[in-house]
N, C-alpha and C. Protein backbone atom coordinates (compact mmCIF):
# COMPACT_ATOMS: atom_id res chain seq x y z
N MET A 1 0.88 -1.18 -0.01
CA MET A 1 0.08 -0.13 -0.02
C MET A 1 0.87 1.37 0.09
N GLY A 2 0.41 2.17 -0.89
CA GLY A 2 1.36 3.51 -0.89
C GLY A 2 1.12 4.29 0.31
N LEU A 3 2.04 5.41 0.29
CA LEU A 3 1.89 6.33 1.57
C LEU A 3 0.72 7.49 1.06
N ALA A 4 0.02 7.93 2.12
CA ALA A 4 -1.08 8.80 1.98
C ALA A 4 -0.48 10.12 1.44
N LYS A 5 0.68 10.50 1.56
CA LYS A 5 1.14 11.96 1.03
C LYS A 5 0.38 13.11 1.75
N THR A 6 0.09 12.89 3.05
CA THR A 6 -0.71 13.79 3.62
C THR A 6 -0.08 15.30 3.64
N GLU A 7 1.23 15.33 3.50
CA GLU A 7 1.81 16.69 3.50
C GLU A 7 1.37 17.54 2.08
N ILE A 8 1.05 16.90 1.28
CA ILE A 8 0.56 17.69 0.10
C ILE A 8 -0.68 18.38 0.12
N PHE A 9 -1.46 18.19 1.36
CA PHE A 9 -2.89 18.68 1.61
C PHE A 9 -2.76 19.61 2.71
N THR A 10 -3.85 20.48 2.68
CA THR A 10 -3.83 21.56 3.73
C THR A 10 -4.04 20.91 5.19
N ASP A 11 -3.73 21.63 6.24
CA ASP A 11 -4.12 21.22 7.51
C ASP A 11 -5.55 21.01 7.66
N LEU A 12 -6.50 21.82 7.23
CA LEU A 12 -7.74 21.70 7.13
C LEU A 12 -8.18 20.41 6.58
N GLN A 13 -7.74 20.06 5.28
CA GLN A 13 -8.05 18.94 4.52
C GLN A 13 -7.74 17.61 5.43
N ASN A 14 -6.38 17.64 6.11
CA ASN A 14 -6.11 16.51 6.81
C ASN A 14 -6.89 16.43 7.99
N GLU A 15 -7.30 17.55 8.77
CA GLU A 15 -7.99 17.41 9.86
C GLU A 15 -9.47 16.86 9.61
N ILE A 16 -10.04 17.20 8.38
CA ILE A 16 -11.39 16.76 8.09
C ILE A 16 -11.19 15.40 7.79
N ALA A 17 -10.21 14.90 7.10
CA ALA A 17 -10.10 13.39 6.87
C ALA A 17 -9.99 12.56 8.04
N LEU A 18 -9.21 13.04 8.89
CA LEU A 18 -9.11 12.40 10.33
C LEU A 18 -10.35 12.18 10.96
N PHE A 19 -11.01 13.25 11.16
CA PHE A 19 -12.39 13.26 11.72
C PHE A 19 -13.25 12.22 10.90
N ALA A 20 -13.31 12.31 9.74
CA ALA A 20 -14.16 11.39 8.94
C ALA A 20 -13.89 10.00 9.14
N LYS A 21 -12.52 9.82 9.57
CA LYS A 21 -12.21 8.29 9.79
C LYS A 21 -12.83 7.74 11.01
N ALA A 22 -13.32 8.68 11.96
CA ALA A 22 -14.08 8.13 13.05
C ALA A 22 -15.38 7.52 12.69
N PHE A 23 -16.00 7.87 11.58
CA PHE A 23 -17.22 7.38 10.99
C PHE A 23 -16.88 6.32 9.98
N GLY A 24 -15.71 5.93 9.74
CA GLY A 24 -15.42 5.01 8.78
C GLY A 24 -15.66 3.43 9.12
N HIS A 25 -16.02 3.33 10.32
CA HIS A 25 -16.53 1.85 10.69
C HIS A 25 -17.72 1.94 11.57
N PRO A 26 -18.59 0.93 11.31
CA PRO A 26 -19.86 1.12 12.16
C PRO A 26 -19.61 0.77 13.57
N ALA A 27 -18.57 0.04 14.10
CA ALA A 27 -18.29 -0.18 15.35
C ALA A 27 -17.93 1.23 16.11
N ARG A 28 -17.15 2.13 15.40
CA ARG A 28 -16.86 3.43 16.08
C ARG A 28 -18.08 4.14 16.18
N VAL A 29 -18.99 4.15 15.20
CA VAL A 29 -20.22 4.85 15.28
C VAL A 29 -21.08 4.38 16.41
N ALA A 30 -21.17 3.04 16.49
CA ALA A 30 -21.89 2.53 17.63
C ALA A 30 -21.23 2.84 18.99
N ILE A 31 -19.96 2.79 19.12
CA ILE A 31 -19.35 3.15 20.47
C ILE A 31 -19.72 4.72 20.68
N LEU A 32 -19.61 5.62 19.92
CA LEU A 32 -19.91 6.99 20.08
C LEU A 32 -21.34 7.19 20.36
N GLN A 33 -22.06 6.36 19.71
CA GLN A 33 -23.67 6.56 20.12
C GLN A 33 -23.89 6.05 21.54
N HIS A 34 -23.17 5.00 21.79
CA HIS A 34 -23.46 4.38 23.20
C HIS A 34 -22.83 5.34 24.28
N LEU A 35 -21.74 6.02 23.98
CA LEU A 35 -21.16 6.92 25.05
C LEU A 35 -22.00 8.15 25.16
N PHE A 36 -22.68 8.52 24.02
CA PHE A 36 -23.67 9.70 24.11
C PHE A 36 -24.82 9.38 24.88
N LYS A 37 -25.25 8.10 24.85
CA LYS A 37 -26.54 7.65 25.36
C LYS A 37 -26.39 7.49 26.93
N ILE A 38 -25.14 6.96 27.50
CA ILE A 38 -24.96 6.75 28.90
C ILE A 38 -24.19 7.80 29.59
N LYS A 39 -23.47 8.78 28.75
CA LYS A 39 -22.54 9.70 29.27
C LYS A 39 -21.19 9.22 29.65
N THR A 40 -21.03 8.09 30.08
CA THR A 40 -19.78 7.50 30.48
C THR A 40 -19.65 5.91 30.24
N CYS A 41 -18.60 5.32 30.32
CA CYS A 41 -18.71 3.87 29.97
C CYS A 41 -17.38 3.23 30.42
N VAL A 42 -17.34 1.96 30.67
CA VAL A 42 -16.28 1.08 30.86
C VAL A 42 -16.16 0.14 29.73
N CYS A 43 -14.95 -0.18 29.36
CA CYS A 43 -14.61 -1.00 28.07
C CYS A 43 -15.54 -2.37 28.16
N GLY A 44 -15.55 -2.96 29.36
CA GLY A 44 -16.46 -4.19 29.21
C GLY A 44 -17.77 -3.95 29.06
N ASP A 45 -18.46 -2.93 29.42
CA ASP A 45 -19.69 -2.56 29.10
C ASP A 45 -19.97 -2.45 27.49
N LEU A 46 -18.94 -1.94 26.86
CA LEU A 46 -18.98 -1.75 25.33
C LEU A 46 -19.10 -3.05 24.76
N VAL A 47 -18.29 -3.99 25.22
CA VAL A 47 -18.25 -5.37 24.58
C VAL A 47 -19.54 -6.02 24.76
N ASN A 48 -20.32 -5.94 25.90
CA ASN A 48 -21.57 -6.51 25.96
C ASN A 48 -22.62 -5.69 25.22
N GLU A 49 -22.54 -4.47 24.97
CA GLU A 49 -23.34 -3.80 24.38
C GLU A 49 -23.32 -3.89 22.79
N ILE A 50 -22.04 -3.81 22.18
CA ILE A 50 -21.78 -3.90 20.73
C ILE A 50 -21.74 -5.24 20.31
N GLY A 51 -21.14 -6.17 21.06
CA GLY A 51 -21.12 -7.64 20.73
C GLY A 51 -19.90 -8.02 19.83
N LEU A 52 -18.89 -7.29 19.96
CA LEU A 52 -17.57 -7.32 19.42
C LEU A 52 -16.63 -7.84 20.57
N ALA A 53 -15.66 -8.60 20.03
CA ALA A 53 -14.58 -8.98 21.09
C ALA A 53 -13.85 -7.96 21.74
N GLN A 54 -13.42 -8.01 22.94
CA GLN A 54 -12.75 -7.06 23.74
C GLN A 54 -11.51 -6.39 23.04
N PRO A 55 -10.70 -7.16 22.38
CA PRO A 55 -9.57 -6.69 21.72
C PRO A 55 -9.94 -5.63 20.51
N THR A 56 -11.13 -6.05 19.92
CA THR A 56 -11.67 -5.38 18.74
C THR A 56 -12.26 -4.08 19.24
N ILE A 57 -13.03 -3.99 20.44
CA ILE A 57 -13.38 -2.81 20.97
C ILE A 57 -12.25 -1.89 21.37
N SER A 58 -11.23 -2.53 22.02
CA SER A 58 -10.20 -1.75 22.53
C SER A 58 -9.31 -1.11 21.29
N GLN A 59 -9.27 -1.84 20.23
CA GLN A 59 -8.66 -1.20 19.02
C GLN A 59 -9.46 0.17 18.60
N HIS A 60 -10.82 -0.11 18.43
CA HIS A 60 -11.56 1.02 18.05
C HIS A 60 -11.61 2.22 19.05
N LEU A 61 -11.53 1.90 20.28
CA LEU A 61 -11.37 2.92 21.30
C LEU A 61 -10.08 3.65 21.17
N LYS A 62 -9.08 2.93 20.96
CA LYS A 62 -7.74 3.53 20.67
C LYS A 62 -7.71 4.48 19.54
N GLU A 63 -8.35 4.14 18.48
CA GLU A 63 -8.64 5.00 17.26
C GLU A 63 -9.33 6.39 17.62
N LEU A 64 -10.51 6.21 18.38
CA LEU A 64 -11.20 7.43 18.81
C LEU A 64 -10.55 8.20 19.79
N LYS A 65 -9.53 7.55 20.49
CA LYS A 65 -8.97 8.43 21.50
C LYS A 65 -7.73 9.01 20.83
N GLN A 66 -7.08 8.44 19.93
CA GLN A 66 -5.99 9.23 18.86
C GLN A 66 -6.60 10.52 18.28
N LEU A 67 -7.74 10.35 17.80
CA LEU A 67 -8.34 11.38 17.24
C LEU A 67 -8.85 12.55 18.01
N GLY A 68 -8.86 12.12 19.49
CA GLY A 68 -9.31 13.07 20.35
C GLY A 68 -10.80 13.19 20.69
N LEU A 69 -11.59 12.27 20.12
CA LEU A 69 -13.11 12.21 20.23
C LEU A 69 -13.50 11.82 21.53
N ILE A 70 -12.73 10.93 22.13
CA ILE A 70 -13.08 10.45 23.50
C ILE A 70 -11.90 10.74 24.33
N LYS A 71 -12.11 10.52 25.64
CA LYS A 71 -11.04 10.56 26.61
C LYS A 71 -11.39 9.46 27.55
N GLY A 72 -10.32 9.00 28.32
CA GLY A 72 -10.45 7.92 29.26
C GLY A 72 -9.79 8.28 30.52
N SER A 73 -10.28 7.77 31.65
CA SER A 73 -9.71 7.93 32.93
C SER A 73 -9.75 6.38 33.57
N VAL A 74 -8.79 6.17 34.31
CA VAL A 74 -8.38 4.91 34.96
C VAL A 74 -9.21 4.89 36.38
N GLU A 75 -10.03 3.82 36.44
CA GLU A 75 -10.67 3.77 37.62
C GLU A 75 -10.52 2.22 38.17
N GLY A 76 -9.67 2.12 39.07
CA GLY A 76 -9.37 0.86 39.62
C GLY A 76 -8.68 0.24 38.47
N THR A 77 -9.22 -1.20 38.09
CA THR A 77 -8.52 -1.93 36.96
C THR A 77 -9.35 -1.58 35.65
N SER A 78 -10.27 -0.64 35.58
CA SER A 78 -10.97 -0.32 34.45
C SER A 78 -10.52 1.05 33.94
N VAL A 79 -10.89 1.30 32.65
CA VAL A 79 -10.75 2.60 31.92
C VAL A 79 -12.22 3.11 31.68
N CYS A 80 -12.51 4.25 32.14
CA CYS A 80 -13.75 4.72 31.99
C CYS A 80 -13.71 5.78 30.62
N TYR A 81 -14.39 5.65 29.84
CA TYR A 81 -14.53 6.46 28.54
C TYR A 81 -15.56 7.32 28.49
N CYS A 82 -15.53 8.66 27.92
CA CYS A 82 -16.47 9.42 27.61
C CYS A 82 -16.12 10.32 26.37
N ILE A 83 -17.15 11.10 25.89
CA ILE A 83 -16.90 11.88 24.70
C ILE A 83 -16.17 13.24 25.13
N ASN A 84 -15.13 13.52 24.37
CA ASN A 84 -14.43 14.80 24.71
C ASN A 84 -15.11 15.91 24.11
N PRO A 85 -15.74 16.70 24.96
CA PRO A 85 -16.74 17.81 24.37
C PRO A 85 -15.88 18.90 23.71
N GLU A 86 -14.76 19.15 24.02
CA GLU A 86 -13.89 20.28 23.17
C GLU A 86 -13.62 19.76 21.60
N THR A 87 -13.23 18.59 21.55
CA THR A 87 -12.69 17.99 20.22
C THR A 87 -14.09 17.68 19.43
N TRP A 88 -15.10 17.15 20.18
CA TRP A 88 -16.44 16.90 19.49
C TRP A 88 -17.00 18.21 18.90
N SER A 89 -16.97 19.27 19.65
CA SER A 89 -17.38 20.59 19.17
C SER A 89 -16.70 21.01 17.97
N LYS A 90 -15.23 20.89 18.15
CA LYS A 90 -14.37 21.32 17.16
C LYS A 90 -14.82 20.65 15.70
N MET A 91 -14.89 19.25 15.88
CA MET A 91 -15.24 18.38 14.68
C MET A 91 -16.60 18.74 14.14
N LYS A 92 -17.63 19.11 14.99
CA LYS A 92 -18.89 19.47 14.42
C LYS A 92 -18.71 20.75 13.69
N THR A 93 -18.13 21.67 14.05
CA THR A 93 -17.96 22.82 13.38
C THR A 93 -17.16 22.58 12.00
N LEU A 94 -16.15 21.94 11.99
CA LEU A 94 -15.35 21.69 10.75
C LEU A 94 -16.33 20.92 9.77
N MET A 95 -16.77 19.78 10.21
CA MET A 95 -17.57 19.00 9.36
C MET A 95 -18.93 19.68 8.94
N THR A 96 -19.60 20.43 9.79
CA THR A 96 -20.80 21.08 9.31
C THR A 96 -20.37 22.30 8.14
N HIS A 97 -19.45 22.88 8.31
CA HIS A 97 -18.72 23.99 7.40
C HIS A 97 -18.64 23.10 5.98
N PHE A 98 -17.98 22.11 6.16
CA PHE A 98 -17.60 21.19 4.99
C PHE A 98 -18.70 20.67 4.26
N LEU A 99 -19.66 20.08 5.11
CA LEU A 99 -20.84 19.62 4.55
C LEU A 99 -21.99 20.60 4.11
N ASN A 100 -21.87 21.81 4.48
CA ASN A 100 -22.84 22.62 4.18
C ASN A 100 -22.47 23.60 2.85
N GLN A 101 -21.41 23.08 2.23
CA GLN A 101 -21.26 23.78 0.96
C GLN A 101 -22.27 23.36 -0.13
N ASP A 102 -22.70 24.37 -0.76
CA ASP A 102 -23.76 24.21 -1.78
C ASP A 102 -23.25 23.97 -3.22
N LEU A 103 -23.84 23.18 -3.97
CA LEU A 103 -23.43 22.87 -5.28
C LEU A 103 -23.62 23.95 -6.08
N PRO A 104 -22.89 24.30 -7.11
CA PRO A 104 -23.11 25.45 -8.12
C PRO A 104 -24.30 24.99 -8.97
N ASN A 105 -25.03 26.07 -9.53
CA ASN A 105 -26.16 25.81 -10.33
C ASN A 105 -25.65 25.61 -11.86
N THR A 106 -24.88 24.39 -11.86
CA THR A 106 -24.39 24.06 -13.40
C THR A 106 -24.91 22.66 -13.51
N THR A 107 -24.81 22.35 -14.78
CA THR A 107 -25.14 21.06 -15.21
C THR A 107 -23.84 20.41 -15.40
N CYS A 108 -23.58 19.18 -14.77
CA CYS A 108 -22.41 18.20 -14.93
C CYS A 108 -22.68 16.97 -15.58
N CYS A 109 -21.92 16.43 -16.34
CA CYS A 109 -22.09 15.14 -17.10
C CYS A 109 -23.51 15.08 -17.71
């Protein structure tokens, strides 16, 4: 597989692409929906709720955490995850601006 060559794109284009990655797998969408529904969560609860293996859930949590969309805190032997409101708000603003672009009134193809 070739390199993504992200350096040839603007910071904004790279940021939008990274946030879009969060929605690139239904498990990550399900995790985010569950976290919004219950406000906080422990990894084991996600395994039961979503129905995937614990290592798979952990990998998706890692992706979401790297993107900054969730944050986690250690509570005993568990990690409690929640939505990171600052990053979520930033992503909503960027994605809304991007998705609200209007098509020109031209005929194409």
